[in-house]
Protein backbone atom coordinates (compact mmCIF):
# COMPACT_ATOMS: atom_id res chain seq x y z
CA MET A 1 108.24 190.48 106.58
CA ALA A 2 111.52 190.20 108.44
CA ASP A 3 112.80 186.95 109.90
CA ALA A 4 109.87 184.78 108.83
CA ALA A 5 111.90 181.64 109.62
CA SER A 6 112.19 182.45 113.35
CA ARG A 7 108.50 183.23 113.56
CA LEU A 8 107.63 180.01 111.76
CA THR A 9 109.90 177.95 114.00
CA THR A 10 108.39 179.45 117.15
CA LEU A 11 104.84 178.90 115.95
CA ALA A 12 105.56 175.35 114.81
CA GLU A 13 107.08 174.44 118.15
CA GLU A 14 104.11 175.95 120.01
CA LEU A 15 101.64 173.99 117.89
CA LEU A 16 103.62 170.74 117.93
CA GLY A 17 104.82 170.94 121.51
CA VAL A 18 108.34 169.78 120.60
CA PRO A 19 111.44 171.44 119.11
CA LEU A 20 111.57 171.50 115.32
CA PRO A 21 114.22 168.88 114.39
CA VAL A 22 115.38 170.52 111.14
CA ARG A 23 116.65 173.92 110.07
CA LEU A 24 114.09 176.10 108.37
CA ARG A 25 114.60 178.66 105.58
CA ALA A 26 111.72 180.97 104.70
CA TRP A 27 110.74 182.82 101.53
CA ASP A 28 112.45 186.00 102.80
CA GLY A 29 115.85 184.25 103.02
CA SER A 30 115.87 184.05 106.83
CA GLU A 31 116.87 180.82 108.59
CA SER A 32 116.20 179.32 112.00
CA GLY A 33 116.78 176.06 113.83
CA PRO A 34 119.62 173.57 114.30
CA ALA A 35 122.62 174.16 112.05
CA GLY A 36 124.83 171.64 110.30
CA GLY A 37 122.17 169.48 108.69
CA PRO A 38 119.67 169.52 105.86
CA VAL A 39 117.34 172.49 105.47
CA LEU A 40 113.57 172.51 104.98
CA ILE A 41 112.77 175.40 102.63
CA VAL A 42 109.41 177.18 102.62
CA ARG A 43 109.61 178.93 99.25
CA GLU A 44 106.12 180.44 99.21
CA ARG A 45 103.80 181.82 101.90
CA ARG A 46 100.87 180.02 100.29
CA ALA A 47 102.32 176.73 101.59
CA LEU A 48 101.17 177.86 105.04
CA ARG A 49 97.65 178.42 103.73
CA ARG A 50 97.61 174.86 102.49
CA LEU A 51 98.63 173.64 105.95
CA LEU A 52 96.01 175.74 107.71
CA TRP A 53 93.32 174.51 105.33
CA LYS A 54 94.42 170.87 105.44
CA PRO A 55 96.50 170.38 108.62
CA GLY A 56 98.93 167.49 108.59
CA GLU A 57 100.14 165.27 105.80
CA LEU A 58 97.79 166.32 102.98
CA GLY A 59 98.61 170.02 103.38
CA LEU A 60 102.33 169.25 103.40
CA ALA A 61 101.94 167.00 100.36
CA ARG A 62 100.14 169.67 98.36
CA ALA A 63 102.83 172.22 99.16
CA TRP A 64 105.57 169.73 98.20
CA VAL A 65 103.97 168.76 94.89
CA ALA A 66 103.45 172.43 94.02
CA GLY A 67 107.12 173.18 94.74
CA GLU A 68 106.27 175.55 97.60
CA ILE A 69 108.36 173.56 100.06
CA ASP A 70 111.61 171.79 99.29
CA VAL A 71 114.67 170.26 100.90
CA GLU A 72 118.30 171.31 100.63
CA GLY A 73 120.59 168.44 101.54
CA ASP A 74 119.77 164.82 102.33
CA LEU A 75 116.05 164.15 101.78
CA TYR A 76 116.28 160.87 103.70
CA GLU A 77 117.72 162.63 106.75
CA VAL A 78 114.92 165.21 106.71
CA LEU A 79 112.30 162.48 106.47
CA ASP A 80 113.96 160.50 109.23
CA ARG A 81 114.09 163.56 111.52
CA LEU A 82 110.48 164.45 110.76
CA ALA A 83 109.20 160.88 110.99
CA GLY A 84 108.05 161.29 114.59
CA LEU A 85 106.09 164.44 113.76
CA ILE A 86 104.60 163.23 110.48
CA TRP A 87 103.79 159.64 111.45
CA GLU A 88 103.99 159.00 115.18
CA ARG A 89 102.48 162.35 116.27
CA GLY A 90 100.43 162.97 113.14
CA GLU A 91 96.98 162.36 114.63
CA GLU A 92 97.77 164.36 117.77
CA THR A 93 99.14 167.27 115.75
CA ARG A 94 96.22 167.31 113.32
CA GLY A 95 93.73 167.20 116.18
CA ALA A 96 95.42 170.13 117.88
CA LEU A 97 95.37 172.23 114.70
CA GLU A 98 91.76 171.39 113.95
CA SER A 99 90.27 172.01 117.39
CA VAL A 100 92.60 174.73 118.76
CA ARG A 101 90.82 174.83 122.14
CA ASP A 102 93.91 175.70 124.15
CA PRO A 103 94.30 179.53 124.31
CA LYS A 104 98.02 179.18 123.57
CA LEU A 105 97.34 177.07 120.50
CA ARG A 106 94.57 179.45 119.44
CA ALA A 107 96.96 182.38 119.58
CA ALA A 108 99.63 180.44 117.63
CA ALA A 109 97.10 179.54 114.97
CA ARG A 110 96.04 183.20 114.62
CA ALA A 111 99.68 184.23 114.26
CA LEU A 112 100.24 181.53 111.64
CA LEU A 113 97.16 182.73 109.78
CA LYS A 114 98.53 186.25 109.71
CA LEU A 115 101.91 185.00 108.48
CA ALA A 116 100.28 182.85 105.80
CA GLY A 117 98.72 185.76 103.95
CA PRO A 118 95.23 186.19 102.54
CA PHE A 119 92.86 183.27 102.09
CA PRO A 120 91.44 181.30 100.33
CA PRO A 121 94.01 178.52 99.98
CA PRO A 122 95.41 177.65 96.53
CA ALA A 123 93.69 174.95 94.51
CA PRO A 124 95.18 171.46 94.87
CA PRO A 125 97.92 170.59 92.35
CA ALA A 126 96.75 169.11 89.05
CA GLU A 127 98.33 165.75 89.93
CA GLU A 128 95.94 165.17 92.84
CA VAL A 129 93.22 162.56 92.32
CA ARG A 130 89.89 164.21 91.66
CA ARG A 131 86.40 162.78 91.75
CA ARG A 132 86.21 158.98 91.81
CA SER A 133 83.20 157.22 90.38
CA GLY A 134 81.80 153.95 91.63
CA SER A 135 81.97 152.30 95.04
CA ARG A 136 85.35 151.64 96.64
CA HIS A 137 87.11 148.69 94.94
CA SER A 138 84.40 148.21 92.34
CA LYS A 139 85.82 147.12 88.97
CA ARG A 140 85.22 150.54 87.46
CA ARG A 141 86.87 152.45 90.31
CA ASP A 142 89.81 150.04 90.54
CA LYS A 143 90.47 150.58 86.83
CA GLN A 144 90.49 154.36 87.36
CA ALA A 145 92.89 154.00 90.30
CA ILE A 146 95.29 151.80 88.34
CA SER A 147 95.21 154.18 85.39
CA HIS A 148 96.06 157.13 87.66
CA HIS A 149 99.15 155.38 88.95
CA TYR A 150 100.47 153.48 85.96
CA ASP A 151 99.29 155.34 82.86
CA VAL A 152 101.71 158.24 83.31
CA GLY A 153 104.10 157.31 80.52
CA ASN A 154 106.24 154.21 80.11
CA ASP A 155 109.29 156.40 79.46
CA PHE A 156 109.07 157.73 83.00
CA TYR A 157 108.93 154.25 84.50
CA GLU A 158 111.83 153.10 82.34
CA LEU A 159 113.92 155.93 83.76
CA VAL A 160 113.03 155.10 87.37
CA LEU A 161 112.95 151.29 87.27
CA GLY A 162 115.82 150.70 84.87
CA PRO A 163 116.02 148.00 82.19
CA SER A 164 114.36 145.32 84.34
CA MET A 165 111.02 147.23 84.35
CA VAL A 166 110.06 145.52 87.61
CA TYR A 167 108.06 147.68 90.00
CA SER A 168 108.38 145.64 93.17
CA CYS A 169 110.98 144.71 95.76
CA ALA A 170 114.23 143.28 94.37
CA TYR A 171 116.16 140.41 96.00
CA TRP A 172 119.64 141.62 96.88
CA THR A 173 123.03 140.05 97.36
CA GLU A 174 126.22 141.91 98.20
CA GLY A 175 127.59 143.93 95.30
CA GLY A 176 124.78 143.20 92.86
CA THR A 177 123.16 145.71 90.52
CA LEU A 178 119.47 146.59 90.53
CA GLU A 179 119.01 144.52 87.38
CA ASP A 180 120.75 141.52 89.01
CA ALA A 181 118.56 141.84 92.09
CA GLN A 182 115.34 142.08 90.09
CA ARG A 183 116.30 139.07 87.97
CA ASP A 184 117.02 137.14 91.16
CA LYS A 185 113.63 138.12 92.59
CA LEU A 186 111.80 136.89 89.49
CA ASP A 187 113.78 133.67 89.61
CA LEU A 188 113.03 133.26 93.32
CA VAL A 189 109.31 133.48 92.53
CA ALA A 190 109.63 130.98 89.67
CA ARG A 191 111.51 128.50 91.87
CA LYS A 192 109.04 128.81 94.73
CA LEU A 193 106.26 128.08 92.25
CA ASN A 194 108.28 125.10 90.94
CA LEU A 195 107.65 126.19 87.36
CA LYS A 196 108.28 123.58 84.67
CA LYS A 197 108.05 123.49 80.91
CA GLY A 198 104.42 123.64 79.80
CA ASP A 199 103.03 124.79 83.16
CA ARG A 200 100.21 127.33 82.94
CA LEU A 201 101.09 130.44 84.96
CA LEU A 202 98.66 133.27 85.69
CA ASP A 203 100.54 136.50 86.53
CA VAL A 204 98.06 138.78 88.31
CA GLY A 205 99.04 142.41 87.97
CA CYS A 206 101.66 141.60 85.35
CA GLY A 207 103.04 145.13 85.02
CA TRP A 208 105.30 145.54 82.01
CA GLY A 209 105.64 141.79 81.48
CA SER A 210 108.92 141.02 83.26
CA MET A 211 107.71 138.04 85.29
CA ALA A 212 105.83 136.61 82.31
CA ILE A 213 108.91 136.89 80.09
CA HIS A 214 111.20 135.31 82.70
CA ALA A 215 108.81 132.41 83.33
CA ALA A 216 108.38 131.69 79.62
CA ARG A 217 112.01 132.17 78.59
CA ALA A 218 113.81 130.51 81.52
CA TYR A 219 111.26 127.84 82.48
CA GLY A 220 109.17 127.20 79.36
CA ALA A 221 105.90 128.17 81.06
CA GLN A 222 102.74 129.17 79.21
CA VAL A 223 101.79 132.50 80.75
CA VAL A 224 98.70 134.66 80.93
CA GLY A 225 99.46 138.12 82.33
CA ILE A 226 96.65 140.46 83.37
CA THR A 227 96.72 144.19 84.12
CA LEU A 228 94.22 147.05 84.21
CA SER A 229 96.72 149.45 82.65
CA ARG A 230 96.54 149.76 78.87
CA GLU A 231 99.96 151.42 78.75
CA GLN A 232 101.53 148.53 80.65
CA ALA A 233 99.83 145.99 78.40
CA ALA A 234 101.03 147.70 75.20
CA PHE A 235 104.59 147.89 76.52
CA ALA A 236 104.55 144.25 77.65
CA ARG A 237 103.23 143.00 74.30
CA LYS A 238 105.96 144.87 72.45
CA ARG A 239 108.66 143.35 74.70
CA ILE A 240 107.20 139.89 74.28
CA ALA A 241 107.18 140.21 70.49
CA GLU A 242 110.79 141.39 70.53
CA GLU A 243 111.72 138.33 72.62
CA GLY A 244 109.92 136.01 70.19
CA LEU A 245 107.63 134.72 72.96
CA THR A 246 104.19 135.54 71.56
CA ASP A 247 103.39 131.83 71.33
CA ARG A 248 103.98 131.40 75.08
CA ILE A 249 102.62 134.62 76.61
CA GLU A 250 99.24 136.32 76.41
CA ILE A 251 98.77 139.77 77.95
CA ARG A 252 95.23 140.84 78.78
CA VAL A 253 93.70 144.08 80.04
CA GLN A 254 91.48 142.27 82.50
CA ASP A 255 90.32 142.38 86.12
CA TYR A 256 91.31 139.34 88.18
CA ARG A 257 87.62 138.83 88.96
CA ASP A 258 86.93 138.25 85.26
CA VAL A 259 89.46 135.45 84.67
CA LYS A 260 87.46 132.30 83.90
CA ASP A 261 89.90 130.02 82.05
CA GLY A 262 91.42 128.02 84.91
CA PRO A 263 92.75 125.77 86.13
CA TYR A 264 96.33 127.07 86.30
CA ASP A 265 99.35 125.21 87.62
CA ALA A 266 100.64 128.33 89.36
CA ILE A 267 99.71 131.94 90.09
CA SER A 268 102.07 134.82 90.81
CA SER A 269 100.74 138.03 92.32
CA ILE A 270 103.65 140.42 92.82
CA GLY A 271 102.87 143.83 94.29
CA MET A 272 99.24 143.70 93.20
CA ALA A 273 97.31 142.72 96.35
CA GLU A 274 97.86 146.18 97.85
CA HIS A 275 95.26 147.43 95.34
CA VAL A 276 92.62 144.86 96.31
CA GLY A 277 91.33 146.45 99.53
CA ALA A 278 90.13 144.92 102.78
CA VAL A 279 86.51 144.61 101.60
CA ARG A 280 87.63 142.54 98.59
CA TYR A 281 90.53 140.57 99.97
CA ARG A 282 88.59 137.40 100.75
CA GLU A 283 87.06 137.54 97.27
CA TYR A 284 90.58 137.91 95.84
CA ALA A 285 91.82 134.86 97.78
CA ASP A 286 88.75 132.81 96.85
CA THR A 287 89.15 133.73 93.17
CA LEU A 288 92.80 132.71 93.01
CA TYR A 289 92.10 129.48 94.91
CA ALA A 290 89.37 128.56 92.41
CA LEU A 291 91.68 129.27 89.46
CA LEU A 292 94.36 126.83 90.67
CA LYS A 293 94.35 123.13 90.02
CA PRO A 294 94.62 120.85 93.09
CA GLY A 295 98.28 120.93 94.10
CA GLY A 296 98.79 124.29 92.38
CA ARG A 297 100.81 127.03 94.05
CA LEU A 298 100.26 130.72 94.69
CA LEU A 299 103.12 133.15 95.31
CA ASN A 300 101.66 136.32 96.82
CA HIS A 301 104.24 139.12 97.18
CA GLN A 302 102.69 141.94 99.21
CA ILE A 303 103.55 145.03 101.27
CA SER A 304 102.27 144.88 104.85
CA ARG A 305 101.88 147.37 107.67
CA ARG A 306 102.28 147.00 111.39
CA PRO A 307 99.05 146.08 113.21
CA THR A 308 97.38 148.82 115.24
CA PRO A 309 95.65 148.54 118.65
CA ASP A 310 92.34 149.47 116.98
CA GLU A 311 92.23 147.99 113.50
CA GLU A 312 88.79 149.48 112.87
CA ALA A 313 90.34 152.96 113.11
CA TYR A 314 92.93 152.29 110.38
CA GLU A 315 93.00 155.01 107.72
CA VAL A 316 94.73 155.02 104.36
CA ASP A 317 97.76 157.32 104.17
CA THR A 318 96.39 160.62 102.85
CA PHE A 319 99.40 161.51 100.65
CA ILE A 320 99.51 158.03 99.09
CA ASP A 321 95.75 158.01 98.55
CA ALA A 322 95.64 161.47 96.95
CA TYR A 323 98.75 161.28 94.77
CA VAL A 324 100.17 157.77 94.40
CA PHE A 325 97.92 154.72 94.91
CA PRO A 326 94.28 155.86 95.08
CA ASP A 327 92.27 153.43 97.24
CA GLY A 328 95.40 151.39 97.99
CA GLU A 329 95.34 149.63 101.37
CA LEU A 330 97.91 147.77 103.42
CA ALA A 331 97.03 144.90 105.75
CA PRO A 332 99.03 143.39 108.60
CA MET A 333 100.87 140.23 107.60
CA GLY A 334 98.79 138.10 109.97
CA ARG A 335 95.52 139.18 108.39
CA THR A 336 96.77 138.26 104.92
CA LEU A 337 97.88 134.83 106.11
CA THR A 338 94.55 134.20 107.85
CA THR A 339 92.54 135.24 104.80
CA LEU A 340 94.52 132.92 102.54
CA GLU A 341 93.90 130.06 104.98
CA ASP A 342 90.20 130.91 105.24
CA ALA A 343 89.99 130.66 101.44
CA GLY A 344 91.32 127.09 101.64
CA PHE A 345 95.04 127.58 101.00
CA GLU A 346 97.75 125.83 102.96
CA VAL A 347 100.37 128.52 103.61
CA ARG A 348 103.72 126.74 103.44
CA ASP A 349 106.23 129.57 103.65
CA VAL A 350 106.42 133.26 104.50
CA GLU A 351 109.60 135.17 103.69
CA ALA A 352 110.11 138.74 104.91
CA LEU A 353 112.03 141.04 102.54
CA ARG A 354 111.67 144.38 104.34
CA GLU A 355 115.30 145.49 104.05
CA HIS A 356 115.38 144.44 100.40
CA TYR A 357 112.64 146.92 99.57
CA ALA A 358 114.44 149.78 101.30
CA LEU A 359 117.49 149.09 99.13
CA THR A 360 115.33 148.87 96.00
CA LEU A 361 113.62 152.19 96.67
CA ARG A 362 116.92 153.97 97.25
CA ARG A 363 118.12 152.76 93.83
CA TRP A 364 114.92 154.00 92.19
CA VAL A 365 115.30 157.40 93.84
CA ALA A 366 118.91 157.56 92.63
CA ASN A 367 117.72 156.79 89.08
CA LEU A 368 115.13 159.56 89.30
CA GLU A 369 117.49 162.14 90.77
CA GLY A 370 120.25 161.19 88.35
CA ASP A 371 118.15 162.15 85.31
CA TRP A 372 115.78 164.67 86.86
CA SER A 373 115.36 166.92 83.82
CA ARG A 374 114.29 164.02 81.63
CA ALA A 375 111.94 162.72 84.33
CA VAL A 376 110.23 166.11 84.44
CA ARG A 377 109.97 166.20 80.64
CA ASN A 378 108.46 162.72 80.60
CA THR A 379 105.71 163.59 83.11
CA SER A 380 105.46 166.91 84.95
CA PRO A 381 107.45 168.67 87.68
CA GLY A 382 104.74 167.83 90.18
CA ARG A 383 104.61 164.14 89.37
CA ALA A 384 108.38 163.80 89.48
CA ARG A 385 108.31 165.43 92.93
CA ILE A 386 105.55 163.03 94.01
CA TRP A 387 107.59 159.98 93.07
CA ARG A 388 110.74 161.32 94.71
CA LEU A 389 108.97 161.95 98.02
CA TYR A 390 106.89 158.78 97.89
CA MET A 391 109.84 156.50 97.19
CA ALA A 392 112.19 158.17 99.66
CA ALA A 393 109.57 158.22 102.42
CA SER A 394 108.73 154.57 101.70
CA ALA A 395 112.42 153.63 102.01
CA VAL A 396 112.52 155.29 105.43
CA SER A 397 109.30 153.48 106.41
CA PHE A 398 110.80 150.11 105.52
CA GLU A 399 114.02 150.94 107.34
CA ARG A 400 112.11 152.00 110.48
CA ASN A 401 109.91 148.86 110.39
CA ARG A 402 106.71 150.82 109.87
CA ILE A 403 105.94 148.69 106.84
CA GLY A 404 107.28 145.39 105.50
CA VAL A 405 106.98 143.17 102.46
CA ASN A 406 106.43 139.42 102.46
CA GLN A 407 106.23 136.53 100.04
CA PHE A 408 103.51 134.01 100.92
CA LEU A 409 103.82 130.60 99.26
CA ALA A 410 100.45 128.89 99.45
CA VAL A 411 99.22 125.61 98.01
CA ARG A 412 95.79 124.39 97.01
CA THR A 413 96.55 121.15 98.77
CA PRO A 414 94.49 118.23 97.42
CA GLU A 415 92.41 115.90 99.59
CA SER A 416 95.27 113.42 99.64
CA GLY A 417 97.29 115.94 101.65
CA ALA A 418 100.27 115.76 99.28
CA SER A 419 101.57 119.35 99.11
CA GLY A 420 104.18 118.61 96.46
CA LEU A 421 106.89 120.40 98.44
CA ALA A 422 110.18 118.84 99.44
CA LEU A 423 110.83 118.12 103.11
CA ARG A 424 113.32 120.99 103.22
CA PRO A 425 112.19 123.33 100.43
CA ARG A 426 114.24 126.37 101.43
CA VAL A 427 116.82 125.61 98.72
CA TRP A 428 115.06 128.32 96.72
CA SER A 429 116.72 130.92 98.95
CA GLU A 430 120.17 129.85 97.81
CA SER A 431 121.92 131.02 94.66
CA GLN A 432 121.33 128.47 91.90
CA GLY A 433 122.61 128.17 88.38
CA ARG A 434 120.40 129.40 85.59
């Protein structure tokens, strides 16, 4: 099949209605499109069958995970060039491929079908989420979703995250390392919460124990960390024992809805609320409010998305839902703030860290790419490819202001009205001695 790349480029441009912004190399070695930049490689014809069967992002994701499409050159540049087609024109493109009412589009689709080879399409890659039991954001289903994302081997996460083992946005200064920036983020959270010796801290979604260890070691707090991941809990307990902090930290495999031993002086929730879901978010806020003592503080660190003209039409990203965070949902910053206020909190500070997360993700991608063979051995080729695409695409999303990340400092202000905050509390944003 001679010159498959030219045929693919022509068909893609007919279907999309715009020039293809990257060079294309097909399985027969032919190339087409703008020269001098990165190349999108279609290694196997069956990638086209995936796209015809599942037009848009899910079809592309399946082909990527299976290794049927790849990138030669700068992955970030490819994602940036394709951003308009994948994100901004995604619904329009998918609708055109699914309906194909225009005779020109119908003819292009027939030609693509011929080029794709015989049906049926290949089965989805093994890494794709399969059947999910229970209603959306029930305790049972949330536990399955967390296990899919986090129980993939602590060795893999150590490789990607580095020694800090913090899986959330770092807090950067010029010239700092990833470990410096993650330590500074944990310390920023501790200072916003005004942690003191003997304070009870609940760390919701405690991950591998980094926040709990920092709060206990640097501030003398008594910490309860909760996670739904058994692998995270085992890793955290081992770290805590090695640090000699078992008398100050308890790690539980527990849903936040099952915590009944309040009140706490402070609650940290770092990168966990994205798993809660819109239908449960008010329950989440109410639960944390009830667990705090009057005057207690909540630090909620959460990824947000831009609001849409029709919020009812919001859909979860299909690639993320199928391969990364099953049932994960992002809310606009304003909705999160309103829900916290509706639960009774006084929101005292919101700090946007969007650019910080882009920098963090690029470091994680560099860690992954720098030890690719070991990453593949620790998981699978498909899962390593998932994390590379997910983290790189997320970095581009933060850089393009499609998504953001914010820290909400909220207080369960007592009836007296005394918030406990200084008149000018922003000293926590400055570098302080430790």
